[in-house]
Protein backbone atom coordinates (compact mmCIF):
# COMPACT_ATOMS: atom_id res chain seq x y z
CA MET A 1 62.41 18.56 -46.24
CA LYS A 2 60.08 18.38 -43.23
CA ARG A 3 57.06 16.11 -43.40
CA LYS A 4 53.78 17.33 -41.98
CA LYS A 5 52.33 15.22 -39.20
CA CYS A 6 48.88 13.72 -39.95
CA PHE A 7 46.45 13.20 -37.10
CA ASN A 8 43.65 10.64 -37.63
CA GLY A 9 40.42 11.28 -35.71
CA PHE A 10 37.17 13.20 -35.54
CA THR A 11 36.91 16.89 -35.04
CA LEU A 12 34.52 18.07 -32.36
CA ILE A 13 31.97 19.07 -34.98
CA GLU A 14 32.18 15.68 -36.69
CA LEU A 15 31.71 13.92 -33.34
CA LEU A 16 28.65 15.99 -32.55
CA VAL A 17 27.18 15.23 -35.98
CA VAL A 18 27.71 11.47 -35.46
CA ILE A 19 26.10 11.63 -32.00
CA ALA A 20 23.15 13.51 -33.46
CA ILE A 21 22.73 10.93 -36.24
CA VAL A 22 22.88 8.05 -33.75
CA GLY A 23 20.31 9.83 -31.57
CA VAL A 24 17.95 10.24 -34.51
CA MET A 25 18.35 6.59 -35.48
CA ILE A 26 17.61 5.44 -31.92
CA SER A 27 14.54 7.67 -31.74
CA LEU A 28 13.31 6.13 -34.99
CA LEU A 29 14.02 2.58 -33.84
CA LEU A 30 12.51 2.80 -30.34
CA PRO A 31 8.85 2.95 -31.46
CA ALA A 32 9.48 -0.01 -33.77
CA VAL A 33 11.11 -1.97 -30.92
CA GLN A 34 8.28 -1.07 -28.54
CA SER A 35 5.72 -2.01 -31.17
CA ALA A 36 7.43 -5.36 -31.72
CA ARG A 37 7.49 -6.01 -27.97
CA GLU A 38 3.80 -5.14 -27.65
CA ALA A 39 2.96 -7.39 -30.59
CA ALA A 40 4.76 -10.23 -28.81
CA ARG A 41 2.95 -9.49 -25.55
CA ALA A 42 -0.41 -9.32 -27.35
CA THR A 43 0.27 -12.69 -28.98
CA GLU A 44 1.16 -14.18 -25.60
CA CYS A 45 -1.98 -12.64 -24.09
CA LYS A 46 -4.16 -14.24 -26.79
CA ASN A 47 -2.43 -17.54 -26.17
CA HIS A 48 -3.30 -17.30 -22.47
CA LEU A 49 -6.93 -16.70 -23.41
CA ARG A 50 -6.83 -19.64 -25.77
CA GLN A 51 -5.54 -21.89 -22.97
CA LEU A 52 -8.37 -20.72 -20.71
CA GLY A 53 -10.87 -21.31 -23.48
CA LEU A 54 -9.62 -24.83 -24.10
CA ALA A 55 -9.74 -25.55 -20.36
CA VAL A 56 -13.40 -24.51 -20.24
CA ILE A 57 -14.20 -26.56 -23.35
CA HIS A 58 -12.51 -29.62 -21.81
CA PHE A 59 -14.48 -29.01 -18.60
CA GLU A 60 -17.71 -28.97 -20.61
CA GLN A 61 -16.76 -32.16 -22.45
CA ALA A 62 -15.95 -33.93 -19.18
CA THR A 63 -18.99 -32.75 -17.20
CA GLN A 64 -21.53 -32.04 -19.97
CA THR A 65 -21.91 -28.45 -18.75
CA PHE A 66 -19.93 -25.24 -18.71
CA PRO A 67 -18.73 -24.20 -15.24
CA PRO A 68 -20.93 -21.79 -13.30
CA ALA A 69 -19.45 -18.32 -12.91
CA ARG A 70 -20.52 -18.48 -9.25
CA LEU A 71 -23.30 -19.79 -7.03
CA ARG A 72 -25.85 -17.09 -6.30
CA THR A 73 -29.48 -17.41 -5.23
CA GLN A 74 -32.58 -16.08 -6.98
CA ASP A 75 -36.16 -17.23 -6.95
CA GLU A 76 -38.07 -18.18 -10.09
CA TYR A 77 -39.18 -14.59 -10.76
CA GLY A 78 -35.78 -13.05 -10.33
CA TYR A 79 -36.51 -11.48 -6.95
CA PHE A 80 -34.52 -11.96 -3.79
CA ALA A 81 -35.19 -15.21 -2.05
CA SER A 82 -36.49 -14.75 1.50
CA GLU A 83 -33.93 -14.70 4.27
CA SER A 84 -35.55 -17.79 5.76
CA SER A 85 -35.12 -19.74 2.54
CA SER A 86 -33.00 -22.86 2.84
CA VAL A 87 -31.55 -22.01 -0.57
CA ILE A 88 -30.20 -18.64 0.46
CA ALA A 89 -28.90 -20.24 3.65
CA CYS A 90 -26.47 -22.34 1.61
CA GLU A 91 -25.27 -19.41 -0.48
CA THR A 92 -22.02 -17.88 0.71
CA THR A 93 -18.87 -17.05 -1.24
CA GLN A 94 -18.14 -20.37 -2.92
CA PRO A 95 -15.20 -20.27 -5.35
CA SER A 96 -15.72 -18.92 -8.86
CA TRP A 97 -15.25 -20.74 -12.17
CA PHE A 98 -11.48 -20.15 -12.11
CA ALA A 99 -11.06 -22.72 -9.33
CA ARG A 100 -13.09 -25.31 -11.26
CA ILE A 101 -10.92 -25.21 -14.39
CA LEU A 102 -7.55 -25.58 -12.63
CA PRO A 103 -7.21 -29.32 -13.48
CA TYR A 104 -7.61 -28.47 -17.16
CA ILE A 105 -4.60 -26.13 -17.19
CA GLU A 106 -2.39 -28.73 -15.51
CA ASN A 107 -2.89 -27.29 -12.03
CA GLY A 108 -4.55 -30.27 -10.40
CA ASN A 109 -2.41 -29.92 -7.29
CA TYR A 110 -3.86 -26.49 -6.57
CA TYR A 111 -7.35 -27.63 -7.52
CA SER A 112 -7.18 -30.33 -4.85
CA ARG A 113 -6.77 -27.62 -2.21
CA TRP A 114 -10.14 -26.06 -3.04
CA ASN A 115 -13.47 -27.12 -1.56
CA LEU A 116 -15.79 -25.87 -4.30
CA TYR A 117 -18.78 -25.70 -1.96
CA ALA A 118 -17.04 -24.04 1.01
CA PRO A 119 -16.68 -20.27 1.52
CA TYR A 120 -13.81 -18.65 -0.33
CA GLU A 121 -12.41 -17.10 2.85
CA SER A 122 -12.21 -20.49 4.58
CA HIS A 123 -9.27 -21.42 2.34
CA ASP A 124 -5.71 -20.59 3.33
CA SER A 125 -3.75 -17.76 1.72
CA TYR A 126 -1.46 -20.15 -0.16
CA THR A 127 -4.51 -21.48 -2.01
CA ARG A 128 -6.21 -18.10 -2.48
CA ASN A 129 -3.05 -16.39 -3.77
CA TYR A 130 -2.16 -18.89 -6.48
CA VAL A 131 -1.89 -17.25 -9.92
CA SER A 132 -1.30 -19.27 -13.06
CA ALA A 133 0.63 -17.44 -15.78
CA ASN A 134 -2.44 -18.08 -17.95
CA PHE A 135 -4.49 -15.77 -15.71
CA VAL A 136 -2.61 -12.54 -16.49
CA CYS A 137 -1.84 -10.45 -19.55
CA PRO A 138 1.90 -9.61 -19.88
CA THR A 139 1.05 -6.14 -21.23
CA ARG A 140 -0.30 -5.31 -17.78
CA ARG A 141 1.80 -7.28 -15.31
CA SER A 142 3.44 -10.55 -14.33
CA ALA A 143 1.81 -13.28 -12.28
CA SER A 144 3.83 -12.26 -9.21
CA GLU A 145 2.05 -8.87 -9.23
CA ALA A 146 -1.47 -10.28 -9.45
CA VAL A 147 -2.43 -10.48 -5.78
CA VAL A 148 -4.54 -8.15 -3.64
CA ASP A 149 -3.92 -8.01 0.11
CA SER A 150 -6.52 -8.54 2.80
CA GLY A 151 -7.84 -5.53 4.70
CA LEU A 152 -10.72 -3.09 5.11
CA VAL A 153 -11.79 -1.37 1.88
CA GLU A 154 -14.58 0.98 0.86
CA GLN A 155 -16.28 -0.12 -2.30
CA GLU A 156 -19.25 0.89 -4.39
CA VAL A 157 -22.02 -1.69 -4.55
CA THR A 158 -25.14 -2.18 -6.67
CA TYR A 159 -27.99 -3.77 -4.78
CA GLY A 160 -30.76 -5.97 -6.13
CA CYS A 161 -33.05 -2.97 -6.34
CA GLY A 162 -30.72 -1.40 -8.89
CA CYS A 163 -29.77 1.33 -6.44
CA GLY A 164 -26.15 1.90 -5.50
CA GLY A 165 -24.10 2.96 -2.53
CA SER A 166 -20.84 2.26 -0.79
CA GLU A 167 -19.88 0.19 2.18
CA ILE A 168 -16.82 -0.74 4.21
CA VAL A 169 -16.06 -4.41 3.79
CA GLU A 170 -13.40 -6.68 5.17
CA LEU A 171 -11.66 -7.94 2.08
CA THR A 172 -10.14 -11.41 2.14
CA GLY A 173 -7.23 -11.05 -0.26
CA GLY A 174 -6.19 -13.36 -3.04
CA ALA A 175 -5.14 -13.69 -6.65
CA VAL A 176 -6.56 -11.37 -9.31
CA THR A 177 -6.81 -11.84 -13.05
CA ASP A 178 -6.91 -9.90 -16.32
CA TYR A 179 -9.54 -12.17 -17.88
CA ALA A 180 -13.25 -12.62 -17.30
CA ALA A 181 -15.99 -15.04 -18.31
CA ASN A 182 -18.70 -13.90 -20.70
CA HIS A 183 -21.80 -13.54 -18.52
CA GLY A 184 -23.86 -12.16 -21.42
CA ASP A 185 -25.49 -8.75 -21.79
CA TYR A 186 -27.79 -6.51 -19.77
CA THR A 187 -31.06 -7.96 -21.08
CA GLY A 188 -32.94 -9.66 -18.30
CA GLY A 189 -30.61 -7.91 -15.92
CA SER A 190 -30.08 -4.54 -14.40
CA LEU A 191 -32.11 -2.60 -16.97
CA ASP A 192 -35.32 -4.58 -17.09
CA TRP A 193 -35.14 -6.88 -14.09
CA LEU A 194 -33.00 -5.10 -11.55
CA PHE A 195 -33.37 -7.83 -8.97
CA ALA A 196 -32.36 -10.57 -11.36
CA TYR A 197 -29.01 -9.46 -12.70
CA TRP A 198 -27.12 -9.22 -9.45
CA ARG A 199 -28.52 -12.45 -8.14
CA GLY A 200 -28.67 -15.88 -9.71
CA GLY A 201 -28.73 -17.71 -12.99
CA VAL A 202 -30.03 -15.12 -15.40
CA GLY A 203 -26.94 -14.56 -17.51
CA THR A 204 -27.36 -14.65 -21.29
CA GLY A 205 -23.72 -15.66 -21.86
CA VAL A 206 -21.90 -18.96 -21.51
CA ILE A 207 -20.39 -18.95 -18.02
CA ILE A 208 -23.21 -17.61 -15.86
CA SER A 209 -24.28 -17.35 -12.23
CA SER A 210 -26.48 -20.14 -10.92
CA ASP A 211 -28.70 -21.03 -8.01
CA PRO A 212 -27.01 -23.58 -5.77
CA ILE A 213 -28.70 -26.94 -5.22
CA CYS A 214 -28.65 -27.45 -1.48
CA SER A 215 -28.69 -30.26 1.00
CA GLY A 216 -29.71 -28.60 4.22
CA THR A 217 -27.49 -25.56 4.53
CA ASP A 218 -24.77 -26.92 2.26
CA PRO A 219 -24.56 -26.54 -1.53
CA ILE A 220 -23.93 -29.78 -3.40
CA ASN A 221 -24.45 -28.81 -7.05
CA TRP A 222 -25.80 -26.00 -9.22
CA LYS A 223 -29.09 -25.55 -11.05
CA HIS A 224 -28.66 -23.44 -14.18
CA LYS A 225 -26.41 -25.46 -16.47
CA ILE A 226 -25.37 -24.23 -19.89
CA ARG A 227 -24.30 -26.89 -22.38
CA HIS A 228 -22.74 -26.76 -25.80
CA LYS A 229 -26.14 -27.38 -27.42
CA ASP A 230 -27.42 -24.18 -25.77
CA LEU A 231 -25.07 -22.06 -27.89
CA THR A 232 -27.60 -21.83 -30.68
CA ASP A 233 -25.72 -18.98 -32.36
CA GLY A 234 -22.81 -21.37 -32.80
CA ALA A 235 -19.67 -21.72 -30.73
CA SER A 236 -17.68 -19.72 -33.29
CA ASN A 237 -20.09 -16.78 -32.89
CA THR A 238 -20.19 -16.68 -29.09
CA ILE A 239 -17.62 -15.18 -26.73
CA LEU A 240 -16.45 -17.47 -23.97
CA ALA A 241 -14.09 -15.10 -22.14
CA GLY A 242 -12.04 -11.97 -22.75
CA GLU A 243 -9.89 -9.29 -21.20
CA MET A 244 -11.65 -7.37 -18.47
CA HIS A 245 -11.60 -3.59 -18.35
CA ILE A 246 -9.34 -2.34 -15.57
CA PRO A 247 -8.53 1.39 -15.71
CA SER A 248 -4.89 2.41 -15.33
CA GLY A 249 -3.90 2.73 -11.70
CA ARG A 250 -6.56 0.25 -10.59
CA LEU A 251 -4.77 -3.07 -10.98
CA ALA A 252 -5.39 -5.30 -7.93
CA GLN A 253 -7.90 -2.73 -6.62
CA VAL A 254 -11.51 -3.32 -5.59
CA PRO A 255 -14.01 -3.22 -7.25
CA GLU A 256 -12.33 -3.10 -10.66
CA ASN A 257 -9.96 -5.99 -9.98
CA GLY A 258 -10.95 -7.94 -6.87
CA PRO A 259 -9.98 -11.51 -5.87
CA MET A 260 -10.91 -13.74 -8.81
CA TYR A 261 -11.71 -16.87 -6.77
CA ASN A 262 -14.20 -15.07 -4.51
CA GLY A 263 -17.60 -16.09 -5.87
CA LYS A 264 -19.41 -13.16 -4.28
CA ASP A 265 -17.92 -10.35 -6.39
CA LEU A 266 -19.14 -10.84 -9.98
CA PRO A 267 -16.96 -8.20 -11.75
CA ALA A 268 -13.83 -9.89 -10.38
CA PHE A 269 -14.29 -12.85 -12.75
CA ALA A 270 -17.16 -12.17 -15.20
CA ARG A 271 -18.17 -9.31 -17.51
CA ILE A 272 -20.92 -8.38 -19.99
CA GLY A 273 -21.16 -6.38 -23.22
CA GLY A 274 -23.72 -4.54 -25.35
CA PRO A 275 -25.24 -1.09 -25.96
CA GLU A 276 -25.10 -0.15 -22.28
CA VAL A 277 -21.62 -1.62 -21.77
CA PRO A 278 -19.33 -1.05 -24.79
CA LEU A 279 -15.72 -2.15 -24.97
CA ALA A 280 -13.38 0.22 -23.15
CA ARG A 281 -11.31 2.38 -25.52
CA GLY A 282 -8.19 1.76 -23.47
CA PRO A 283 -6.81 1.93 -19.93
CA GLU A 284 -7.62 5.63 -19.62
CA ASP A 285 -11.31 5.14 -20.42
CA LYS A 286 -13.26 5.96 -17.25
CA THR A 287 -16.72 5.83 -18.86
CA VAL A 288 -17.21 2.07 -19.14
CA PRO A 289 -18.93 0.42 -16.14
CA VAL A 290 -16.90 -1.88 -13.91
CA ILE A 291 -18.71 -4.86 -15.45
CA GLY A 292 -17.35 -4.27 -18.99
CA PHE A 293 -14.61 -5.80 -21.14
CA GLY A 294 -11.50 -3.93 -22.29
CA SER A 295 -7.74 -4.27 -22.74
CA TRP A 296 -4.49 -2.30 -22.65
CA HIS A 297 -3.55 -3.31 -26.19
CA PRO A 298 -3.76 -0.44 -28.69
CA GLY A 299 -7.14 -0.38 -30.39
CA VAL A 300 -8.29 -3.95 -29.73
CA CYS A 301 -9.59 -6.30 -27.04
CA PRO A 302 -8.70 -10.02 -27.28
CA MET A 303 -11.45 -12.59 -26.79
CA VAL A 304 -11.63 -16.37 -26.91
CA LEU A 305 -14.72 -17.83 -28.52
CA ALA A 306 -16.59 -20.94 -27.43
CA ASP A 307 -14.90 -23.01 -30.15
CA GLY A 308 -11.47 -22.21 -28.68
CA SER A 309 -10.42 -19.72 -31.36
CA THR A 310 -9.26 -16.22 -30.46
CA ARG A 311 -10.26 -12.91 -31.97
CA SER A 312 -9.19 -9.32 -31.36
CA LEU A 313 -12.26 -7.11 -31.38
CA ASP A 314 -11.93 -3.48 -32.45
CA ASN A 315 -12.51 -1.21 -29.46
CA PHE A 316 -15.09 0.69 -31.51
CA ILE A 317 -17.06 -2.41 -32.49
CA ASP A 318 -20.77 -1.70 -32.89
CA THR A 319 -22.30 -2.32 -29.48
CA HIS A 320 -25.20 -4.33 -30.93
CA VAL A 321 -22.71 -6.65 -32.65
CA LEU A 322 -20.88 -6.96 -29.32
CA GLN A 323 -24.19 -7.82 -27.67
CA GLN A 324 -24.83 -10.57 -30.23
CA LEU A 325 -21.38 -12.03 -29.62
CA CYS A 326 -21.99 -12.01 -25.86
CA ARG A 327 -25.41 -13.70 -26.05
CA ARG A 328 -25.47 -17.45 -26.55
CA ASP A 329 -28.83 -17.08 -28.36
CA ASP A 330 -29.73 -13.75 -29.94
CA HIS A 331 -33.34 -14.81 -30.34
CA ALA A 332 -33.94 -16.40 -26.96
CA GLU A 333 -36.81 -15.59 -24.68
CA PRO A 334 -35.81 -13.63 -21.56
CA PRO A 335 -33.51 -15.94 -19.60
CA TRP A 336 -35.69 -16.22 -16.50
CA GLU A 337 -38.34 -17.89 -18.74
CA SER A 338 -35.91 -20.38 -20.26
CA PHE A 339 -34.89 -22.22 -17.09
């Protein structure tokens, strides 16, 4: 009696069914994997902000003042100082607050290369291009991608009169960042006192612009100093820094993401928030001004508060609540009267 041969294996139809099932399973798993990766990146991003926040807090404890966002001249009424003023003569492009906190994130060797009262462009490219991992958000890029090259660029500018325009400038390249200091809100700035906002120490936030204190034509210190006691709303209710809004396709592009150490270009290292400047809804949001906060994380924008804690703000947070978080004193007199 002949035995029938048995062949073990899949038929073509069975194989196709298995492939289809595997494909469906992968399609179901991919969003979960991507979501898990983004959650990890968001956690790392908040940790970077926390490290920056702690560095600023340690700076304040060591010096009894928060670092100035930049040195920028104004007179006592918020108008431009005269061109003959000795004060404006010592204002150039001194490094921003990022250079000042380097020792507090264990980067003292790079800090020693900076002259905090010399023009930004007088420093060599090795110094200008340094990017700490704490300065970038992994959702957007790595530290190696956070540099803008030198060259001629056309950029929009807002002048002290509140009017705007564009100009061709010779950009001195350098490192860029995904984080910005809280400079406050628009009150006492571009809405009511157009001359004041783009000039000196009128910020309502924590890390603000300040008039330089000069010796001849050289700056030697800064005038408008914010201390912990000035945060009358409480450190846990005041933003110290957060992710800056950079639209997609504009990473390492001026003016949205210029060199962070260059103290001349405020949006490169400081931002504001409030009714006129809400949080960006995401990287595709083109409606938020260049001076606003925003992230690439779905639905939220990470911030570090002045007590060193981090918080993810909903992108649709009420703009008046955002304004209160950005102001160090919600009930203060206009800032030009408080200095």
